[in-house]
């Protein structure tokens, strides 16, 4: 199995170039089609002092949204034509202006969705676009780190395994990348000493992936008071992993919102590319 349709979420011109730098080499290696996705907010009608909607404000906001769309679409189209890449474009308008949420129906028809991790230097300060894709699209999402070296030939894959449904889906959604990697490690943090199926499920996953021709090993570690995301980040650095695979929001969304977690870390600061599924 390979990915033949890749949807790229382009929230703005700040992230577009980095997303395309990842998507185009993958698409050309697999002979895949790229679908560009971008959304802009529908201007909200605020009342002026006389009690009527301020038409000038709405008009200004509409023009600004149209200009941003032209810039992003122009950047996307120019890159596709320069690389001779099969593609099409989907723009949308929504009250949120969230490209992931507004275009979820289009993203659901893709084999893989690619989006950029939020860069704290960008004008926007949230990660709602990627979160919307993870929740609404039902497709694996490859999250590109906002800075640092960018690779698309993933040679060392690290699977963060907790035995959850989400983690299992991510592992098999990543099969096209795992099959091409030189090595894949299934990493379990804080495995129970005995009487639990986690270690057995990690071994079963390793065997299943090996049947696809992947070189797979299993490793464990204790957190010793560290946050799980810190343990996984350290393991990725120690093994030289260039792709992290994990389930998104395998704990409750409310717990993640209140206390943070590995999903939030991936969306904000994980230094390697991450493939997530939910």
Protein backbone atom coordinates (compact mmCIF):
# COMPACT_ATOMS: atom_id res chain seq x y z
CA UNK A 1 0.00 0.00 0.00
CA UNK A 2 1.17 3.51 -0.81
CA UNK A 3 -0.44 6.92 -0.44
CA UNK A 4 -1.95 8.07 -3.74
CA UNK A 5 -3.88 11.15 -2.58
CA UNK A 6 -2.22 13.66 -0.24
CA UNK A 7 -4.17 16.59 1.21
CA UNK A 8 -2.08 19.54 2.38
CA UNK A 9 -3.56 21.91 4.96
CA UNK A 10 -2.28 25.42 4.24
CA UNK A 11 -3.37 27.73 7.03
CA UNK A 12 -1.39 30.63 5.59
CA UNK A 13 1.64 31.57 3.55
CA UNK A 14 3.81 31.18 6.68
CA UNK A 15 3.35 27.41 6.77
CA UNK A 16 2.66 26.70 3.08
CA UNK A 17 6.26 26.46 1.91
CA UNK A 18 7.30 24.05 4.65
CA UNK A 19 4.27 21.80 4.13
CA UNK A 20 4.88 21.68 0.39
CA UNK A 21 8.59 20.97 0.89
CA UNK A 22 7.47 17.80 2.67
CA UNK A 23 4.49 16.88 0.48
CA UNK A 24 5.97 17.26 -3.00
CA UNK A 25 8.89 14.80 -2.64
CA UNK A 26 6.57 12.21 -1.08
CA UNK A 27 3.96 12.67 -3.81
CA UNK A 28 6.53 12.36 -6.57
CA UNK A 29 8.07 9.25 -5.01
CA UNK A 30 4.65 7.57 -4.88
CA UNK A 31 3.07 9.08 -7.99
CA UNK A 32 0.47 10.71 -5.76
CA UNK A 33 -1.98 13.55 -6.35
CA UNK A 34 -1.84 16.62 -4.05
CA UNK A 35 -4.96 18.46 -2.91
CA UNK A 36 -4.36 21.98 -1.58
CA UNK A 37 -6.74 23.09 1.18
CA UNK A 38 -7.19 26.58 2.61
CA UNK A 39 -10.04 28.41 4.37
CA UNK A 40 -10.73 31.99 5.35
CA UNK A 41 -13.20 33.36 7.91
CA UNK A 42 -16.55 34.82 6.91
CA UNK A 43 -16.57 38.43 8.15
CA UNK A 44 -18.85 38.98 11.15
CA UNK A 45 -21.27 41.90 10.89
CA UNK A 46 -20.60 44.24 13.82
CA UNK A 47 -22.99 47.10 14.49
CA UNK A 48 -21.85 50.66 14.05
CA UNK A 49 -22.76 53.47 16.44
CA UNK A 50 -26.05 54.02 14.62
CA UNK A 51 -27.06 50.40 15.19
CA UNK A 52 -26.53 49.03 11.69
CA UNK A 53 -23.80 46.65 10.49
CA UNK A 54 -20.62 48.46 9.56
CA UNK A 55 -20.41 47.74 5.85
CA UNK A 56 -16.93 49.24 5.56
CA UNK A 57 -15.54 46.85 8.18
CA UNK A 58 -17.13 43.85 6.46
CA UNK A 59 -15.83 44.96 3.09
CA UNK A 60 -12.29 45.48 4.41
CA UNK A 61 -12.29 42.06 6.10
CA UNK A 62 -13.62 40.39 2.94
CA UNK A 63 -10.94 41.98 0.78
CA UNK A 64 -8.22 40.95 3.23
CA UNK A 65 -9.48 37.35 3.23
CA UNK A 66 -9.59 37.27 -0.56
CA UNK A 67 -6.04 38.60 -0.75
CA UNK A 68 -4.75 35.97 1.69
CA UNK A 69 -6.47 33.26 -0.34
CA UNK A 70 -4.90 34.55 -3.57
CA UNK A 71 -1.46 34.54 -1.96
CA UNK A 72 -1.75 30.99 -0.63
CA UNK A 73 -3.35 29.62 -3.79
CA UNK A 74 -0.73 31.38 -5.91
CA UNK A 75 2.11 29.92 -3.87
CA UNK A 76 0.55 26.43 -4.06
CA UNK A 77 -0.19 26.56 -7.78
CA UNK A 78 3.24 27.94 -8.69
CA UNK A 79 4.97 25.17 -6.77
CA UNK A 80 2.79 22.46 -8.33
CA UNK A 81 3.43 23.71 -11.86
CA UNK A 82 7.17 24.15 -11.27
CA UNK A 83 7.44 20.54 -10.11
CA UNK A 84 5.05 19.11 -12.70
CA UNK A 85 2.89 17.81 -9.88
CA UNK A 86 -0.68 16.53 -10.31
CA UNK A 87 -2.89 18.67 -8.09
CA UNK A 88 -6.13 20.48 -7.44
CA UNK A 89 -7.18 23.29 -5.11
CA UNK A 90 -10.01 23.66 -2.61
CA UNK A 91 -10.69 27.01 -0.98
CA UNK A 92 -13.44 27.53 1.57
CA UNK A 93 -15.08 30.18 3.71
CA UNK A 94 -16.27 29.48 7.24
CA UNK A 95 -17.03 31.40 10.41
CA UNK A 96 -13.94 29.92 12.06
CA UNK A 97 -11.59 30.32 9.11
CA UNK A 98 -10.04 27.03 10.25
CA UNK A 99 -8.68 25.26 7.16
CA UNK A 100 -8.72 21.87 8.86
CA UNK A 101 -12.29 22.04 10.10
CA UNK A 102 -13.82 23.85 7.12
CA UNK A 103 -12.34 21.42 4.60
CA UNK A 104 -12.62 18.19 6.62
CA UNK A 105 -14.91 16.63 4.00
CA UNK A 106 -12.19 17.03 1.36
CA UNK A 107 -9.47 15.76 3.70
CA UNK A 108 -11.51 12.61 4.42
CA UNK A 109 -10.99 11.53 0.80
CA UNK A 110 -7.18 11.59 1.15
CA UNK A 111 -4.84 8.74 2.04
CA UNK A 112 -2.67 11.13 4.03
CA UNK A 113 -3.04 14.68 5.34
CA UNK A 114 0.03 16.89 5.86
CA UNK A 115 0.01 19.99 8.05
CA UNK A 116 2.61 22.16 9.74
CA UNK A 117 3.26 22.35 13.44
CA UNK A 118 2.46 25.78 14.81
CA UNK A 119 5.40 28.17 14.85
CA UNK A 120 5.33 30.55 17.85
CA UNK A 121 6.78 33.29 15.62
CA UNK A 122 3.75 33.26 13.32
CA UNK A 123 0.96 35.79 13.68
CA UNK A 124 -1.58 33.23 14.87
CA UNK A 125 -1.01 31.70 18.30
CA UNK A 126 -3.14 28.53 18.27
CA UNK A 127 -3.04 24.95 16.99
CA UNK A 128 -6.75 24.56 16.25
CA UNK A 129 -6.18 23.81 12.57
CA UNK A 130 -4.28 20.57 13.18
CA UNK A 131 -6.56 19.60 16.06
CA UNK A 132 -9.58 19.98 13.80
CA UNK A 133 -7.99 17.72 11.19
CA UNK A 134 -7.19 15.08 13.80
CA UNK A 135 -10.74 15.13 15.15
CA UNK A 136 -12.79 15.66 12.01
CA UNK A 137 -11.00 14.10 9.04
CA UNK A 138 -10.58 10.54 10.25
CA UNK A 139 -7.33 10.31 8.28
CA UNK A 140 -3.68 9.98 9.33
CA UNK A 141 -2.02 13.37 9.71
CA UNK A 142 1.70 13.91 9.12
CA UNK A 143 2.76 16.91 11.16
CA UNK A 144 5.83 18.75 9.91
CA UNK A 145 8.00 20.44 12.57
CA UNK A 146 8.01 24.22 12.28
CA UNK A 147 11.79 24.52 12.19
CA UNK A 148 14.99 22.56 11.77
CA UNK A 149 16.07 20.13 9.08
CA UNK A 150 13.23 18.68 7.02
CA UNK A 151 13.46 15.13 5.67
CA UNK A 152 11.02 13.11 3.61
CA UNK A 153 13.05 9.90 3.43
CA UNK A 154 12.30 8.58 6.90
CA UNK A 155 14.92 5.99 7.77
CA UNK A 156 14.32 5.49 11.50
CA UNK A 157 10.76 5.29 12.80
CA UNK A 158 9.79 5.40 16.47
CA UNK A 159 6.30 4.12 17.37
CA UNK A 160 5.10 5.38 20.77
CA UNK A 161 3.02 2.39 21.87
CA UNK A 162 0.48 2.43 24.71
CA UNK A 163 -1.75 -0.36 23.44
CA UNK A 164 -4.63 1.99 22.60
CA UNK A 165 -6.93 1.90 19.59
CA UNK A 166 -5.45 5.20 18.44
CA UNK A 167 -1.88 3.92 18.65
CA UNK A 168 -2.79 0.77 16.68
CA UNK A 169 -4.44 2.79 13.96
CA UNK A 170 -1.44 5.13 13.70
CA UNK A 171 0.99 2.22 13.42
CA UNK A 172 -0.85 0.66 10.48
CA UNK A 173 -1.65 4.01 8.87
CA UNK A 174 2.13 4.57 8.80
CA UNK A 175 2.85 1.28 7.02
CA UNK A 176 3.95 2.85 3.69
CA UNK A 177 6.61 4.80 5.60
CA UNK A 178 7.54 1.95 7.94
CA UNK A 179 8.05 -0.46 5.03
CA UNK A 180 10.58 1.91 3.45
CA UNK A 181 12.43 2.73 6.70
CA UNK A 182 15.72 1.12 7.63
CA UNK A 183 14.58 0.45 11.19
CA UNK A 184 11.44 0.80 13.30
CA UNK A 185 11.31 0.72 17.09
CA UNK A 186 8.17 0.13 19.13
CA UNK A 187 8.70 2.08 22.34
CA UNK A 188 6.75 1.41 25.53
CA UNK A 189 6.98 3.72 28.54
CA UNK A 190 6.34 2.36 32.05
CA UNK A 191 5.29 -1.18 31.11
CA UNK A 192 3.67 -3.01 34.06
CA UNK A 193 5.88 -5.54 35.76
CA UNK A 194 3.41 -8.36 35.15
CA UNK A 195 -0.20 -9.19 34.52
CA UNK A 196 -0.77 -6.73 31.67
CA UNK A 197 -1.24 -7.14 27.94
CA UNK A 198 0.84 -4.09 26.95
CA UNK A 199 4.13 -5.93 26.47
CA UNK A 200 2.38 -8.77 24.65
CA UNK A 201 0.60 -6.34 22.32
CA UNK A 202 3.91 -4.59 21.54
CA UNK A 203 5.45 -7.92 20.57
CA UNK A 204 2.40 -8.82 18.48
CA UNK A 205 2.61 -5.47 16.68
CA UNK A 206 6.31 -6.03 15.98
CA UNK A 207 5.51 -9.43 14.46
CA UNK A 208 2.69 -8.00 12.34
CA UNK A 209 4.84 -5.19 10.97
CA UNK A 210 7.70 -7.60 10.31
CA UNK A 211 5.43 -9.61 8.03
CA UNK A 212 5.28 -6.53 5.83
CA UNK A 213 9.07 -6.63 5.51
CA UNK A 214 9.82 -4.02 8.18
CA UNK A 215 12.85 -4.27 10.48
CA UNK A 216 11.22 -3.94 13.91
CA UNK A 217 12.45 -4.02 17.51
CA UNK A 218 10.73 -3.40 20.86
CA UNK A 219 12.19 -1.22 23.64
CA UNK A 220 10.92 -0.08 27.03
CA UNK A 221 11.83 2.62 29.53
CA UNK A 222 10.68 3.98 32.87
CA UNK A 223 9.57 7.59 33.17
CA UNK A 224 11.00 8.01 36.70
CA UNK A 225 8.92 11.09 37.37
CA UNK A 226 9.37 12.63 33.91
CA UNK A 227 6.44 13.52 31.67
CA UNK A 228 5.72 10.87 29.05
CA UNK A 229 6.28 13.34 26.23
CA UNK A 230 9.74 14.11 27.64
CA UNK A 231 10.63 10.40 27.71
CA UNK A 232 9.49 9.98 24.09
CA UNK A 233 11.37 13.09 22.97
CA UNK A 234 14.56 11.82 24.64
CA UNK A 235 14.15 8.40 23.03
CA UNK A 236 13.66 9.93 19.59
CA UNK A 237 16.87 11.91 20.05
CA UNK A 238 18.81 8.91 21.38
CA UNK A 239 17.78 6.63 18.51
CA UNK A 240 18.11 9.26 15.79
CA UNK A 241 14.45 8.81 14.84
CA UNK A 242 13.27 11.08 12.04
CA UNK A 243 9.60 10.03 12.26
CA UNK A 244 7.47 9.56 15.37
CA UNK A 245 4.25 7.55 15.05
CA UNK A 246 1.58 7.73 17.76
CA UNK A 247 -2.12 7.83 18.45
CA UNK A 248 -3.71 11.24 18.92
CA UNK A 249 -5.69 11.95 22.08
CA UNK A 250 -5.59 8.39 23.37
CA UNK A 251 -6.48 10.00 26.71
CA UNK A 252 -9.62 12.09 26.99
CA UNK A 253 -9.73 15.46 25.25
CA UNK A 254 -10.64 17.16 28.56
CA UNK A 255 -7.62 15.65 30.30
CA UNK A 256 -5.39 16.83 27.46
CA UNK A 257 -6.91 20.31 27.64
CA UNK A 258 -6.44 20.61 31.40
CA UNK A 259 -3.10 18.90 31.87
CA UNK A 260 -1.48 18.84 28.44
CA UNK A 261 0.04 15.67 27.04
CA UNK A 262 1.98 14.13 24.21
CA UNK A 263 -0.55 15.21 21.56
CA UNK A 264 -0.27 18.85 22.59
CA UNK A 265 3.53 18.60 22.67
CA UNK A 266 3.55 17.20 19.12
CA UNK A 267 1.33 20.03 17.91
CA UNK A 268 3.54 22.66 19.49
CA UNK A 269 7.16 21.59 19.82
CA UNK A 270 8.15 18.00 18.92
CA UNK A 271 11.37 18.43 16.87
CA UNK A 272 10.75 15.55 14.43
CA UNK A 273 7.98 14.80 11.95
CA UNK A 274 5.04 12.98 13.55
CA UNK A 275 2.35 10.81 12.01
CA UNK A 276 -0.78 10.78 14.17
CA UNK A 277 -4.12 9.02 13.86
CA UNK A 278 -7.22 9.01 15.98
